[in-house]
Amino acid sequence: MKQAPVVSIALLGLCASAFAVTPASVQFVGSLQQDGATPVTFDIQIPSGQTAKLELGDGHVLAFATSGSSGNPDKTTVLLTDASGKQLHSQTIPDAGLASTSFSYSICNGKTRFMSPAPEDMPSCARQ
C-alpha cells in the first residue's frame, strides 16, 4: 500500500513531460573557434516553429530549426556547414519545451568538435 503514492507520482511526472509547453522562442548561445583564432560568438533568439540561418564572419553557417517547424514537430536541430556548404556537424535536441541551449564548436586541423554546454574556456587545438 505504501508504494501506490510513489507510482502515482511517477506516472504524474511522465504525463506532465508528455505535455511540455512549447516556449515562444529558443535562445542559442555559443561560439565557433577555428584553428586557435579568436572565437566568433553568437546569442540568438528564434521563435518556436521557425528556422533561421546565421552566417558567421569566417564563412561558416549555422542553421537552426526550432520545435514546431516543418519536419521538427517535437525537436530542435542545429546544423553547421562550412563556406562551401559542406555539412560539418548536426545536432538534434529532442525536447519540445527547450527554451535555451549553449554549445561551442572548435575546428582544429579540419576536425570539428561539438561541446554542449559551451565551456567557459575553449580548449586550444594543442589540447584536442
N, C-alpha and C. Protein backbone atom coordinates (compact mmCIF):
# COMPACT_ATOMS: atom_id res chain seq x y z
N MET A 1 0.82 -1.20 0.00
CA MET A 1 0.00 0.00 0.00
C MET A 1 0.85 1.25 0.00
N LYS A 2 2.01 1.21 0.61
CA LYS A 2 2.83 2.41 0.68
C LYS A 2 3.47 2.74 -0.67
N GLN A 3 3.55 1.79 -1.58
CA GLN A 3 4.17 2.03 -2.87
C GLN A 3 3.23 2.74 -3.84
N ALA A 4 1.95 2.68 -3.64
CA ALA A 4 0.99 3.28 -4.56
C ALA A 4 1.23 4.78 -4.76
N PRO A 5 1.44 5.58 -3.71
CA PRO A 5 1.70 7.01 -3.93
C PRO A 5 2.94 7.25 -4.79
N VAL A 6 3.96 6.45 -4.63
CA VAL A 6 5.18 6.62 -5.42
C VAL A 6 4.89 6.38 -6.89
N VAL A 7 4.14 5.32 -7.20
CA VAL A 7 3.77 5.00 -8.58
C VAL A 7 2.92 6.13 -9.15
N SER A 8 1.98 6.64 -8.39
CA SER A 8 1.13 7.73 -8.86
C SER A 8 1.95 8.97 -9.17
N ILE A 9 2.90 9.29 -8.35
CA ILE A 9 3.75 10.46 -8.57
C ILE A 9 4.59 10.26 -9.83
N ALA A 10 5.13 9.05 -10.01
CA ALA A 10 5.94 8.77 -11.20
C ALA A 10 5.09 8.91 -12.46
N LEU A 11 3.87 8.38 -12.45
CA LEU A 11 3.00 8.50 -13.62
C LEU A 11 2.62 9.94 -13.88
N LEU A 12 2.38 10.71 -12.85
CA LEU A 12 2.05 12.12 -13.00
C LEU A 12 3.22 12.86 -13.65
N GLY A 13 4.45 12.53 -13.25
CA GLY A 13 5.62 13.15 -13.85
C GLY A 13 5.74 12.82 -15.33
N LEU A 14 5.46 11.58 -15.71
CA LEU A 14 5.51 11.19 -17.12
C LEU A 14 4.45 11.92 -17.93
N CYS A 15 3.27 12.05 -17.39
CA CYS A 15 2.20 12.76 -18.11
C CYS A 15 2.55 14.23 -18.29
N ALA A 16 3.11 14.85 -17.29
CA ALA A 16 3.46 16.27 -17.39
C ALA A 16 4.51 16.50 -18.44
N SER A 17 5.50 15.60 -18.55
CA SER A 17 6.54 15.80 -19.54
C SER A 17 6.01 15.57 -20.95
N ALA A 18 5.00 14.74 -21.10
CA ALA A 18 4.43 14.48 -22.42
C ALA A 18 3.70 15.70 -22.96
N PHE A 19 3.25 16.58 -22.07
CA PHE A 19 2.53 17.77 -22.48
C PHE A 19 3.34 19.03 -22.22
N ALA A 20 4.66 18.98 -22.47
CA ALA A 20 5.53 20.14 -22.25
C ALA A 20 5.07 21.28 -23.15
N VAL A 21 5.06 22.46 -22.59
CA VAL A 21 4.63 23.65 -23.30
C VAL A 21 5.78 24.14 -24.18
N THR A 22 5.47 24.39 -25.44
CA THR A 22 6.48 24.92 -26.35
C THR A 22 6.70 26.39 -26.01
N PRO A 23 7.96 26.80 -25.79
CA PRO A 23 8.23 28.20 -25.46
C PRO A 23 8.00 29.11 -26.68
N ALA A 24 7.86 30.40 -26.44
CA ALA A 24 7.65 31.36 -27.53
C ALA A 24 8.86 31.42 -28.45
N SER A 25 10.06 31.23 -27.87
CA SER A 25 11.28 31.25 -28.68
C SER A 25 12.34 30.39 -28.01
N VAL A 26 13.40 30.11 -28.76
CA VAL A 26 14.52 29.33 -28.24
C VAL A 26 15.78 30.18 -28.36
N GLN A 27 16.55 30.24 -27.29
CA GLN A 27 17.79 31.00 -27.27
C GLN A 27 18.96 30.05 -27.52
N PHE A 28 19.83 30.44 -28.46
CA PHE A 28 21.04 29.69 -28.76
C PHE A 28 22.23 30.59 -28.44
N VAL A 29 23.10 30.12 -27.55
CA VAL A 29 24.27 30.90 -27.14
C VAL A 29 25.50 30.03 -27.36
N GLY A 30 26.54 30.59 -27.95
CA GLY A 30 27.74 29.79 -28.14
C GLY A 30 28.82 30.48 -28.93
N SER A 31 29.71 29.65 -29.46
CA SER A 31 30.85 30.19 -30.21
C SER A 31 31.38 29.14 -31.17
N LEU A 32 32.18 29.63 -32.10
CA LEU A 32 32.89 28.78 -33.03
C LEU A 32 34.32 29.31 -33.11
N GLN A 33 35.27 28.43 -32.91
CA GLN A 33 36.68 28.80 -32.97
C GLN A 33 37.38 27.89 -33.97
N GLN A 34 38.12 28.50 -34.89
CA GLN A 34 38.83 27.71 -35.89
C GLN A 34 40.32 27.89 -35.75
N ASP A 35 41.03 26.76 -35.59
CA ASP A 35 42.49 26.71 -35.53
C ASP A 35 43.09 27.75 -34.57
N GLY A 36 42.47 27.90 -33.42
CA GLY A 36 43.01 28.76 -32.38
C GLY A 36 42.76 30.24 -32.57
N ALA A 37 42.04 30.65 -33.62
CA ALA A 37 41.75 32.06 -33.85
C ALA A 37 40.77 32.56 -32.78
N THR A 38 40.56 33.85 -32.73
CA THR A 38 39.58 34.42 -31.81
C THR A 38 38.20 33.83 -32.10
N PRO A 39 37.50 33.31 -31.10
CA PRO A 39 36.19 32.70 -31.34
C PRO A 39 35.16 33.71 -31.86
N VAL A 40 34.29 33.24 -32.73
CA VAL A 40 33.13 34.01 -33.17
C VAL A 40 32.01 33.60 -32.23
N THR A 41 31.42 34.57 -31.55
CA THR A 41 30.36 34.25 -30.58
C THR A 41 28.99 34.64 -31.14
N PHE A 42 27.96 34.00 -30.62
CA PHE A 42 26.60 34.31 -31.03
C PHE A 42 25.65 34.14 -29.85
N ASP A 43 24.57 34.88 -29.88
CA ASP A 43 23.47 34.80 -28.91
C ASP A 43 22.23 35.19 -29.70
N ILE A 44 21.44 34.21 -30.08
CA ILE A 44 20.32 34.45 -31.00
C ILE A 44 19.05 33.82 -30.44
N GLN A 45 17.93 34.53 -30.60
CA GLN A 45 16.62 34.02 -30.21
C GLN A 45 15.83 33.75 -31.49
N ILE A 46 15.27 32.56 -31.61
CA ILE A 46 14.49 32.19 -32.78
C ILE A 46 13.11 31.75 -32.31
N PRO A 47 12.05 32.35 -32.88
CA PRO A 47 10.70 31.96 -32.48
C PRO A 47 10.46 30.47 -32.69
N SER A 48 9.71 29.86 -31.79
CA SER A 48 9.35 28.45 -31.94
C SER A 48 8.59 28.28 -33.25
N GLY A 49 8.84 27.15 -33.90
CA GLY A 49 8.18 26.87 -35.17
C GLY A 49 8.86 27.53 -36.36
N GLN A 50 10.02 28.13 -36.15
CA GLN A 50 10.72 28.85 -37.22
C GLN A 50 12.09 28.25 -37.49
N THR A 51 12.65 28.60 -38.63
CA THR A 51 14.02 28.25 -38.98
C THR A 51 14.79 29.53 -39.23
N ALA A 52 16.11 29.45 -39.09
CA ALA A 52 16.95 30.62 -39.35
C ALA A 52 18.35 30.16 -39.66
N LYS A 53 19.08 31.01 -40.39
CA LYS A 53 20.49 30.76 -40.67
C LYS A 53 21.29 31.94 -40.16
N LEU A 54 22.43 31.63 -39.58
CA LEU A 54 23.33 32.64 -39.05
C LEU A 54 24.66 32.47 -39.78
N GLU A 55 25.01 33.46 -40.60
CA GLU A 55 26.27 33.42 -41.32
C GLU A 55 27.34 34.05 -40.46
N LEU A 56 28.35 33.26 -40.12
CA LEU A 56 29.43 33.75 -39.29
C LEU A 56 30.49 34.39 -40.17
N GLY A 57 31.23 35.34 -39.63
CA GLY A 57 32.19 36.11 -40.41
C GLY A 57 33.25 35.29 -41.11
N ASP A 58 33.52 34.09 -40.64
CA ASP A 58 34.57 33.26 -41.25
C ASP A 58 34.05 32.37 -42.37
N GLY A 59 32.77 32.52 -42.75
CA GLY A 59 32.19 31.72 -43.83
C GLY A 59 31.36 30.55 -43.38
N HIS A 60 31.46 30.16 -42.13
CA HIS A 60 30.63 29.07 -41.61
C HIS A 60 29.19 29.55 -41.47
N VAL A 61 28.26 28.60 -41.57
CA VAL A 61 26.84 28.91 -41.43
C VAL A 61 26.24 27.96 -40.41
N LEU A 62 25.50 28.53 -39.46
CA LEU A 62 24.72 27.74 -38.50
C LEU A 62 23.27 27.83 -38.94
N ALA A 63 22.61 26.69 -39.11
CA ALA A 63 21.19 26.65 -39.46
C ALA A 63 20.44 26.08 -38.27
N PHE A 64 19.38 26.75 -37.87
CA PHE A 64 18.58 26.37 -36.71
C PHE A 64 17.16 26.04 -37.15
N ALA A 65 16.55 25.01 -36.57
CA ALA A 65 15.14 24.69 -36.78
C ALA A 65 14.57 24.41 -35.39
N THR A 66 13.67 25.26 -34.93
CA THR A 66 13.11 25.10 -33.59
C THR A 66 11.92 24.14 -33.61
N SER A 67 11.58 23.65 -32.44
CA SER A 67 10.47 22.73 -32.28
C SER A 67 9.20 23.34 -32.88
N GLY A 68 8.51 22.54 -33.67
CA GLY A 68 7.28 23.00 -34.29
C GLY A 68 7.47 23.46 -35.73
N SER A 69 8.72 23.59 -36.18
CA SER A 69 8.97 23.98 -37.56
C SER A 69 8.77 22.76 -38.47
N SER A 70 8.70 22.98 -39.74
CA SER A 70 8.48 21.90 -40.70
C SER A 70 9.50 20.79 -40.52
N GLY A 71 9.03 19.58 -40.29
CA GLY A 71 9.91 18.43 -40.10
C GLY A 71 10.44 18.29 -38.68
N ASN A 72 10.14 19.24 -37.80
CA ASN A 72 10.62 19.20 -36.42
C ASN A 72 9.47 19.42 -35.44
N PRO A 73 8.50 18.52 -35.40
CA PRO A 73 7.35 18.76 -34.52
C PRO A 73 7.70 18.80 -33.04
N ASP A 74 8.71 18.04 -32.60
CA ASP A 74 8.99 17.97 -31.17
C ASP A 74 10.49 17.97 -30.88
N LYS A 75 11.27 18.59 -31.74
CA LYS A 75 12.72 18.65 -31.53
C LYS A 75 13.28 19.92 -32.15
N THR A 76 14.48 20.25 -31.73
CA THR A 76 15.21 21.40 -32.26
C THR A 76 16.49 20.86 -32.89
N THR A 77 16.88 21.41 -34.03
CA THR A 77 18.10 20.97 -34.68
C THR A 77 19.03 22.13 -34.98
N VAL A 78 20.32 21.81 -34.96
CA VAL A 78 21.38 22.77 -35.30
C VAL A 78 22.27 22.09 -36.33
N LEU A 79 22.61 22.81 -37.38
CA LEU A 79 23.45 22.28 -38.44
C LEU A 79 24.58 23.28 -38.72
N LEU A 80 25.81 22.80 -38.75
CA LEU A 80 26.97 23.63 -39.07
C LEU A 80 27.51 23.23 -40.44
N THR A 81 27.67 24.21 -41.32
CA THR A 81 28.28 23.97 -42.62
C THR A 81 29.45 24.93 -42.81
N ASP A 82 30.38 24.53 -43.69
CA ASP A 82 31.50 25.43 -43.98
C ASP A 82 31.11 26.36 -45.13
N ALA A 83 32.04 27.19 -45.59
CA ALA A 83 31.76 28.19 -46.62
C ALA A 83 31.31 27.55 -47.93
N SER A 84 31.73 26.31 -48.20
CA SER A 84 31.34 25.63 -49.45
C SER A 84 29.98 24.95 -49.33
N GLY A 85 29.41 24.91 -48.13
CA GLY A 85 28.13 24.25 -47.90
C GLY A 85 28.27 22.83 -47.39
N LYS A 86 29.49 22.35 -47.19
CA LYS A 86 29.71 21.00 -46.68
C LYS A 86 29.27 20.92 -45.22
N GLN A 87 28.46 19.91 -44.91
CA GLN A 87 28.00 19.72 -43.53
C GLN A 87 29.15 19.24 -42.65
N LEU A 88 29.38 19.97 -41.56
CA LEU A 88 30.42 19.61 -40.61
C LEU A 88 29.87 18.92 -39.37
N HIS A 89 28.63 19.27 -38.99
CA HIS A 89 28.04 18.69 -37.79
C HIS A 89 26.54 18.96 -37.78
N SER A 90 25.80 18.04 -37.19
CA SER A 90 24.36 18.20 -36.99
C SER A 90 24.03 17.72 -35.59
N GLN A 91 23.21 18.47 -34.89
CA GLN A 91 22.81 18.12 -33.53
C GLN A 91 21.30 18.21 -33.41
N THR A 92 20.68 17.18 -32.87
CA THR A 92 19.25 17.17 -32.61
C THR A 92 19.02 17.21 -31.11
N ILE A 93 18.13 18.09 -30.68
CA ILE A 93 17.78 18.21 -29.26
C ILE A 93 16.32 17.79 -29.14
N PRO A 94 16.03 16.57 -28.65
CA PRO A 94 14.66 16.05 -28.62
C PRO A 94 13.86 16.56 -27.44
N ASP A 95 13.63 17.87 -27.39
CA ASP A 95 12.92 18.47 -26.27
C ASP A 95 11.99 19.56 -26.80
N ALA A 96 10.70 19.27 -26.86
CA ALA A 96 9.73 20.24 -27.38
C ALA A 96 9.64 21.48 -26.50
N GLY A 97 10.04 21.38 -25.23
CA GLY A 97 9.96 22.51 -24.31
C GLY A 97 11.26 23.28 -24.18
N LEU A 98 12.24 23.01 -25.05
CA LEU A 98 13.55 23.68 -24.96
C LEU A 98 13.40 25.19 -25.10
N ALA A 99 13.92 25.93 -24.12
CA ALA A 99 13.88 27.39 -24.17
C ALA A 99 15.25 28.00 -24.40
N SER A 100 16.32 27.29 -24.02
CA SER A 100 17.67 27.84 -24.16
C SER A 100 18.68 26.70 -24.19
N THR A 101 19.73 26.88 -25.00
CA THR A 101 20.81 25.91 -25.04
C THR A 101 22.12 26.63 -25.36
N SER A 102 23.21 26.07 -24.89
CA SER A 102 24.52 26.64 -25.20
C SER A 102 25.42 25.55 -25.76
N PHE A 103 26.23 25.93 -26.72
CA PHE A 103 27.16 24.98 -27.33
C PHE A 103 28.28 25.75 -28.01
N SER A 104 29.37 25.05 -28.25
CA SER A 104 30.51 25.63 -28.95
C SER A 104 31.06 24.62 -29.93
N TYR A 105 31.66 25.15 -30.97
CA TYR A 105 32.39 24.34 -31.94
C TYR A 105 33.85 24.77 -31.92
N SER A 106 34.71 23.78 -31.99
CA SER A 106 36.14 24.01 -32.15
C SER A 106 36.56 23.24 -33.39
N ILE A 107 37.15 23.94 -34.35
CA ILE A 107 37.61 23.29 -35.57
C ILE A 107 39.13 23.41 -35.58
N CYS A 108 39.79 22.27 -35.49
CA CYS A 108 41.26 22.22 -35.46
C CYS A 108 41.75 21.26 -36.53
N ASN A 109 42.59 21.78 -37.39
CA ASN A 109 43.17 20.95 -38.46
C ASN A 109 42.10 20.19 -39.24
N GLY A 110 40.98 20.86 -39.50
CA GLY A 110 39.91 20.26 -40.29
C GLY A 110 38.97 19.35 -39.53
N LYS A 111 39.19 19.12 -38.25
CA LYS A 111 38.32 18.26 -37.44
C LYS A 111 37.40 19.13 -36.58
N THR A 112 36.10 18.83 -36.63
CA THR A 112 35.10 19.59 -35.90
C THR A 112 34.77 18.91 -34.58
N ARG A 113 34.78 19.70 -33.51
CA ARG A 113 34.42 19.19 -32.18
C ARG A 113 33.25 20.01 -31.65
N PHE A 114 32.17 19.32 -31.25
CA PHE A 114 30.98 19.95 -30.69
C PHE A 114 31.01 19.79 -29.18
N MET A 115 30.74 20.87 -28.44
CA MET A 115 30.72 20.82 -26.98
C MET A 115 29.43 21.47 -26.47
N SER A 116 28.69 20.74 -25.65
CA SER A 116 27.48 21.28 -25.05
C SER A 116 27.32 20.70 -23.65
N PRO A 117 27.12 21.55 -22.68
CA PRO A 117 27.03 23.01 -22.79
C PRO A 117 28.37 23.63 -23.18
N ALA A 118 28.30 24.87 -23.62
CA ALA A 118 29.52 25.57 -24.06
C ALA A 118 30.47 25.73 -22.88
N PRO A 119 31.76 25.40 -23.08
CA PRO A 119 32.72 25.57 -21.99
C PRO A 119 33.04 27.05 -21.77
N GLU A 120 33.43 27.39 -20.56
CA GLU A 120 33.81 28.78 -20.27
C GLU A 120 35.05 29.16 -21.06
N ASP A 121 36.02 28.25 -21.14
CA ASP A 121 37.25 28.48 -21.88
C ASP A 121 37.36 27.43 -22.97
N MET A 122 37.53 27.87 -24.20
CA MET A 122 37.68 26.95 -25.31
C MET A 122 39.04 26.23 -25.19
N PRO A 123 39.06 24.93 -25.38
CA PRO A 123 40.35 24.22 -25.37
C PRO A 123 41.16 24.61 -26.60
N SER A 124 42.47 24.68 -26.45
CA SER A 124 43.32 25.02 -27.58
C SER A 124 43.42 23.80 -28.50
N CYS A 125 43.80 24.04 -29.73
CA CYS A 125 43.95 22.92 -30.67
C CYS A 125 45.00 21.93 -30.18
N ALA A 126 45.99 22.41 -29.46
CA ALA A 126 47.05 21.53 -28.94
C ALA A 126 46.49 20.54 -27.91
N ARG A 127 45.39 20.92 -27.20
CA ARG A 127 44.82 20.04 -26.17
C ARG A 127 43.76 19.11 -26.72
N GLN A 128 43.53 19.12 -28.00
CA GLN A 128 42.46 18.27 -28.57
C GLN A 128 43.02 17.03 -29.21
